[in-house]
């Protein structure tokens, strides 16, 4: 039994890829929330984490 995957544009998307990208989007929403509250330091840290999550999703492709 194979795993559910989507081949689009030469890229092999799996559930894990989509989940990692979803985490990156969730973290970007946190960046917006922290900026709205005026917490620039926390927003910068969460932005770095979002960048790492996005890079991890790209590297997994």
PDB file of N, CA and C in Angstrom:
ATOM      1  N   UNK A   1       0.848  -1.172   0.000  1.00  0.00           N
ATOM      2  CA  UNK A   1       0.000   0.000   0.000  1.00  0.00           C
ATOM      3  C   UNK A   1       0.896   1.238   0.000  1.00  0.00           C
ATOM      4  N   UNK A   2       0.692   2.140  -0.950  1.00  0.00           N
ATOM      5  CA  UNK A   2       1.528   3.328  -1.067  1.00  0.00           C
ATOM      6  C   UNK A   2       0.982   4.489  -0.259  1.00  0.00           C
ATOM      7  N   UNK A   3       1.779   5.506  -0.166  1.00  0.00           N
ATOM      8  CA  UNK A   3       1.343   6.703   0.548  1.00  0.00           C
ATOM      9  C   UNK A   3       0.641   7.643  -0.416  1.00  0.00           C
ATOM     10  N   UNK A   4      -0.224   8.464   0.122  1.00  0.00           N
ATOM     11  CA  UNK A   4      -0.926   9.438  -0.705  1.00  0.00           C
ATOM     12  C   UNK A   4       0.058  10.532  -1.117  1.00  0.00           C
ATOM     13  N   UNK A   5       0.173  10.754  -2.403  1.00  0.00           N
ATOM     14  CA  UNK A   5       1.116  11.762  -2.888  1.00  0.00           C
ATOM     15  C   UNK A   5       0.514  12.449  -4.104  1.00  0.00           C
ATOM     16  N   UNK A   6       1.001  13.633  -4.369  1.00  0.00           N
ATOM     17  CA  UNK A   6       0.558  14.426  -5.502  1.00  0.00           C
ATOM     18  C   UNK A   6       1.787  14.856  -6.279  1.00  0.00           C
ATOM     19  N   UNK A   7       1.845  14.461  -7.536  1.00  0.00           N
ATOM     20  CA  UNK A   7       2.955  14.868  -8.391  1.00  0.00           C
ATOM     21  C   UNK A   7       2.500  16.040  -9.253  1.00  0.00           C
ATOM     22  N   UNK A   8       3.060  17.221  -8.977  1.00  0.00           N
ATOM     23  CA  UNK A   8       2.679  18.425  -9.699  1.00  0.00           C
ATOM     24  C   UNK A   8       3.932  19.163 -10.127  1.00  0.00           C
ATOM     25  N   UNK A   9       4.044  19.428 -11.398  1.00  0.00           N
ATOM     26  CA  UNK A   9       5.170  20.199 -11.900  1.00  0.00           C
ATOM     27  C   UNK A   9       6.518  19.574 -11.604  1.00  0.00           C
ATOM     28  N   UNK A  10       6.579  18.263 -11.572  1.00  0.00           N
ATOM     29  CA  UNK A  10       7.832  17.577 -11.296  1.00  0.00           C
ATOM     30  C   UNK A  10       8.170  17.493  -9.816  1.00  0.00           C
ATOM     31  N   UNK A  11       7.281  17.975  -8.952  1.00  0.00           N
ATOM     32  CA  UNK A  11       7.497  17.915  -7.508  1.00  0.00           C
ATOM     33  C   UNK A  11       6.610  16.839  -6.908  1.00  0.00           C
ATOM     34  N   UNK A  12       7.120  16.165  -5.902  1.00  0.00           N
ATOM     35  CA  UNK A  12       6.417  15.050  -5.262  1.00  0.00           C
ATOM     36  C   UNK A  12       5.932  15.502  -3.890  1.00  0.00           C
ATOM     37  N   UNK A  13       4.663  15.953  -3.825  1.00  0.00           N
ATOM     38  CA  UNK A  13       4.085  16.414  -2.569  1.00  0.00           C
ATOM     39  C   UNK A  13       3.514  15.241  -1.798  1.00  0.00           C
ATOM     40  N   UNK A  14       3.858  15.151  -0.527  1.00  0.00           N
ATOM     41  CA  UNK A  14       3.293  14.135   0.355  1.00  0.00           C
ATOM     42  C   UNK A  14       2.550  14.844   1.483  1.00  0.00           C
ATOM     43  N   UNK A  15       1.923  14.051   2.333  1.00  0.00           N
ATOM     44  CA  UNK A  15       1.226  14.637   3.474  1.00  0.00           C
ATOM     45  C   UNK A  15       2.201  15.402   4.359  1.00  0.00           C
ATOM     46  N   UNK A  16       3.420  14.882   4.514  1.00  0.00           N
ATOM     47  CA  UNK A  16       4.407  15.542   5.364  1.00  0.00           C
ATOM     48  C   UNK A  16       4.784  16.915   4.810  1.00  0.00           C
ATOM     49  N   UNK A  17       4.977  17.016   3.500  1.00  0.00           N
ATOM     50  CA  UNK A  17       5.300  18.313   2.887  1.00  0.00           C
ATOM     51  C   UNK A  17       4.207  19.336   3.166  1.00  0.00           C
ATOM     52  N   UNK A  18       2.980  18.940   2.939  1.00  0.00           N
ATOM     53  CA  UNK A  18       1.858  19.856   3.123  1.00  0.00           C
ATOM     54  C   UNK A  18       1.740  20.254   4.590  1.00  0.00           C
ATOM     55  N   UNK A  19       1.972  19.307   5.502  1.00  0.00           N
ATOM     56  CA  UNK A  19       1.911  19.610   6.933  1.00  0.00           C
ATOM     57  C   UNK A  19       3.001  20.601   7.336  1.00  0.00           C
ATOM     58  N   UNK A  20       4.208  20.454   6.792  1.00  0.00           N
ATOM     59  CA  UNK A  20       5.296  21.373   7.121  1.00  0.00           C
ATOM     60  C   UNK A  20       4.986  22.770   6.591  1.00  0.00           C
ATOM     61  N   UNK A  21       4.441  22.862   5.381  1.00  0.00           N
ATOM     62  CA  UNK A  21       4.065  24.164   4.848  1.00  0.00           C
ATOM     63  C   UNK A  21       2.929  24.783   5.669  1.00  0.00           C
ATOM     64  N   UNK A  22       2.010  23.955   6.169  1.00  0.00           N
ATOM     65  CA  UNK A  22       0.923  24.457   7.014  1.00  0.00           C
ATOM     66  C   UNK A  22       1.483  25.017   8.320  1.00  0.00           C
ATOM     67  N   UNK A  23       2.493  24.373   8.880  1.00  0.00           N
ATOM     68  CA  UNK A  23       3.129  24.884  10.097  1.00  0.00           C
ATOM     69  C   UNK A  23       3.782  26.234   9.810  1.00  0.00           C
ATOM     70  N   UNK A  24       4.418  26.368   8.652  1.00  0.00           N
ATOM     71  CA  UNK A  24       5.041  27.633   8.286  1.00  0.00           C
ATOM     72  C   UNK A  24       3.998  28.743   8.178  1.00  0.00           C
ATOM     73  N   UNK A  25       2.855  28.451   7.590  1.00  0.00           N
ATOM     74  CA  UNK A  25       1.782  29.453   7.465  1.00  0.00           C
ATOM     75  C   UNK A  25       1.232  29.804   8.844  1.00  0.00           C
ATOM     76  N   UNK A  26       1.087  28.804   9.706  1.00  0.00           N
ATOM     77  CA  UNK A  26       0.622  29.042  11.066  1.00  0.00           C
ATOM     78  C   UNK A  26       1.588  29.962  11.818  1.00  0.00           C
ATOM     79  N   UNK A  27       2.883  29.724  11.652  1.00  0.00           N
ATOM     80  CA  UNK A  27       3.878  30.564  12.307  1.00  0.00           C
ATOM     81  C   UNK A  27       3.861  31.987  11.751  1.00  0.00           C
ATOM     82  N   UNK A  28       3.616  32.124  10.447  1.00  0.00           N
ATOM     83  CA  UNK A  28       3.508  33.473   9.867  1.00  0.00           C
ATOM     84  C   UNK A  28       2.310  34.225  10.440  1.00  0.00           C
ATOM     85  N   UNK A  29       1.235  33.508  10.732  1.00  0.00           N
ATOM     86  CA  UNK A  29       0.092  34.147  11.391  1.00  0.00           C
ATOM     87  C   UNK A  29       0.492  34.611  12.792  1.00  0.00           C
ATOM     88  N   UNK A  30       1.338  33.848  13.452  1.00  0.00           N
ATOM     89  CA  UNK A  30       1.850  34.259  14.754  1.00  0.00           C
ATOM     90  C   UNK A  30       2.718  35.503  14.662  1.00  0.00           C
ATOM     91  N   UNK A  31       3.503  35.606  13.592  1.00  0.00           N
ATOM     92  CA  UNK A  31       4.318  36.801  13.380  1.00  0.00           C
ATOM     93  C   UNK A  31       3.413  38.026  13.272  1.00  0.00           C
ATOM     94  N   UNK A  32       2.365  37.914  12.507  1.00  0.00           N
ATOM     95  CA  UNK A  32       1.420  39.024  12.360  1.00  0.00           C
ATOM     96  C   UNK A  32       0.809  39.392  13.708  1.00  0.00           C
ATOM     97  N   UNK A  33       0.433  38.382  14.471  1.00  0.00           N
ATOM     98  CA  UNK A  33      -0.169  38.629  15.777  1.00  0.00           C
ATOM     99  C   UNK A  33       0.808  39.329  16.717  1.00  0.00           C
ATOM    100  N   UNK A  34       2.057  38.867  16.746  1.00  0.00           N
ATOM    101  CA  UNK A  34       3.051  39.490  17.615  1.00  0.00           C
ATOM    102  C   UNK A  34       3.343  40.928  17.192  1.00  0.00           C
ATOM    103  N   UNK A  35       3.411  41.169  15.886  1.00  0.00           N
ATOM    104  CA  UNK A  35       3.647  42.532  15.405  1.00  0.00           C
ATOM    105  C   UNK A  35       2.486  43.455  15.776  1.00  0.00           C
ATOM    106  N   UNK A  36       1.278  42.917  15.705  1.00  0.00           N
ATOM    107  CA  UNK A  36       0.102  43.708  16.046  1.00  0.00           C
ATOM    108  C   UNK A  36       0.110  44.090  17.531  1.00  0.00           C
ATOM    109  N   UNK A  37       0.678  43.201  18.365  1.00  0.00           N
ATOM    110  CA  UNK A  37       0.762  43.471  19.800  1.00  0.00           C
ATOM    111  C   UNK A  37       1.990  44.309  20.154  1.00  0.00           C
ATOM    112  N   UNK A  38       2.872  44.543  19.199  1.00  0.00           N
ATOM    113  CA  UNK A  38       4.056  45.341  19.447  1.00  0.00           C
ATOM    114  C   UNK A  38       5.242  44.555  19.971  1.00  0.00           C
ATOM    115  N   UNK A  39       5.202  43.244  19.862  1.00  0.00           N
ATOM    116  CA  UNK A  39       6.285  42.386  20.352  1.00  0.00           C
ATOM    117  C   UNK A  39       7.218  42.056  19.193  1.00  0.00           C
ATOM    118  N   UNK A  40       8.093  42.985  18.852  1.00  0.00           N
ATOM    119  CA  UNK A  40       8.945  42.830  17.677  1.00  0.00           C
ATOM    120  C   UNK A  40       9.980  41.720  17.850  1.00  0.00           C
ATOM    121  N   UNK A  41      10.507  41.553  19.057  1.00  0.00           N
ATOM    122  CA  UNK A  41      11.499  40.504  19.301  1.00  0.00           C
ATOM    123  C   UNK A  41      10.911  39.120  19.123  1.00  0.00           C
ATOM    124  N   UNK A  42       9.721  38.919  19.675  1.00  0.00           N
ATOM    125  CA  UNK A  42       9.047  37.627  19.534  1.00  0.00           C
ATOM    126  C   UNK A  42       8.677  37.377  18.074  1.00  0.00           C
ATOM    127  N   UNK A  43       8.262  38.427  17.376  1.00  0.00           N
ATOM    128  CA  UNK A  43       7.906  38.286  15.966  1.00  0.00           C
ATOM    129  C   UNK A  43       9.115  37.876  15.143  1.00  0.00           C
ATOM    130  N   UNK A  44      10.269  38.421  15.465  1.00  0.00           N
ATOM    131  CA  UNK A  44      11.488  38.069  14.738  1.00  0.00           C
ATOM    132  C   UNK A  44      11.870  36.606  14.972  1.00  0.00           C
ATOM    133  N   UNK A  45      11.735  36.152  16.204  1.00  0.00           N
ATOM    134  CA  UNK A  45      12.044  34.748  16.517  1.00  0.00           C
ATOM    135  C   UNK A  45      11.089  33.812  15.783  1.00  0.00           C
ATOM    136  N   UNK A  46       9.808  34.124  15.811  1.00  0.00           N
ATOM    137  CA  UNK A  46       8.822  33.271  15.141  1.00  0.00           C
ATOM    138  C   UNK A  46       9.004  33.334  13.632  1.00  0.00           C
ATOM    139  N   UNK A  47       9.419  34.487  13.106  1.00  0.00           N
ATOM    140  CA  UNK A  47       9.689  34.591  11.673  1.00  0.00           C
ATOM    141  C   UNK A  47      10.847  33.683  11.273  1.00  0.00           C
ATOM    142  N   UNK A  48      11.870  33.621  12.101  1.00  0.00           N
ATOM    143  CA  UNK A  48      12.989  32.708  11.830  1.00  0.00           C
ATOM    144  C   UNK A  48      12.525  31.258  11.850  1.00  0.00           C
ATOM    145  N   UNK A  49      11.675  30.912  12.808  1.00  0.00           N
ATOM    146  CA  UNK A  49      11.143  29.548  12.864  1.00  0.00           C
ATOM    147  C   UNK A  49      10.280  29.232  11.640  1.00  0.00           C
ATOM    148  N   UNK A  50       9.504  30.213  11.184  1.00  0.00           N
ATOM    149  CA  UNK A  50       8.687  30.009   9.985  1.00  0.00           C
ATOM    150  C   UNK A  50       9.578  29.802   8.767  1.00  0.00           C
ATOM    151  N   UNK A  51      10.660  30.560   8.681  1.00  0.00           N
ATOM    152  CA  UNK A  51      11.606  30.375   7.578  1.00  0.00           C
ATOM    153  C   UNK A  51      12.246  28.997   7.603  1.00  0.00           C
ATOM    154  N   UNK A  52      12.597  28.517   8.784  1.00  0.00           N
ATOM    155  CA  UNK A  52      13.159  27.165   8.898  1.00  0.00           C
ATOM    156  C   UNK A  52      12.138  26.105   8.499  1.00  0.00           C
ATOM    157  N   UNK A  53      10.884  26.282   8.907  1.00  0.00           N
ATOM    158  CA  UNK A  53       9.845  25.317   8.544  1.00  0.00           C
ATOM    159  C   UNK A  53       9.624  25.309   7.034  1.00  0.00           C
ATOM    160  N   UNK A  54       9.588  26.489   6.429  1.00  0.00           N
ATOM    161  CA  UNK A  54       9.404  26.566   4.983  1.00  0.00           C
ATOM    162  C   UNK A  54      10.588  25.940   4.248  1.00  0.00           C
ATOM    163  N   UNK A  55      11.807  26.241   4.711  1.00  0.00           N
ATOM    164  CA  UNK A  55      12.997  25.663   4.089  1.00  0.00           C
ATOM    165  C   UNK A  55      13.005  24.152   4.244  1.00  0.00           C
ATOM    166  N   UNK A  56      12.565  23.657   5.395  1.00  0.00           N
ATOM    167  CA  UNK A  56      12.489  22.208   5.593  1.00  0.00           C
ATOM    168  C   UNK A  56      11.499  21.564   4.638  1.00  0.00           C
ATOM    169  N   UNK A  57      10.375  22.225   4.407  1.00  0.00           N
ATOM    170  CA  UNK A  57       9.398  21.689   3.460  1.00  0.00           C
ATOM    171  C   UNK A  57       9.921  21.678   2.038  1.00  0.00           C
ATOM    172  N   UNK A  58      10.649  22.722   1.663  1.00  0.00           N
ATOM    173  CA  UNK A  58      11.243  22.771   0.321  1.00  0.00           C
ATOM    174  C   UNK A  58      12.334  21.721   0.156  1.00  0.00           C
ATOM    175  N   UNK A  59      13.161  21.559   1.172  1.00  0.00           N
ATOM    176  CA  UNK A  59      14.241  20.590   1.085  1.00  0.00           C
ATOM    177  C   UNK A  59      13.715  19.154   1.047  1.00  0.00           C
ATOM    178  N   UNK A  60      12.554  18.917   1.655  1.00  0.00           N
ATOM    179  CA  UNK A  60      11.976  17.574   1.671  1.00  0.00           C
ATOM    180  C   UNK A  60      11.438  17.198   0.303  1.00  0.00           C
ATOM    181  N   UNK A  61      11.118  18.204  -0.547  1.00  0.00           N
ATOM    182  CA  UNK A  61      10.624  17.912  -1.890  1.00  0.00           C
ATOM    183  C   UNK A  61      11.739  17.249  -2.628  1.00  0.00           C
TER     184      UNK A  61
END
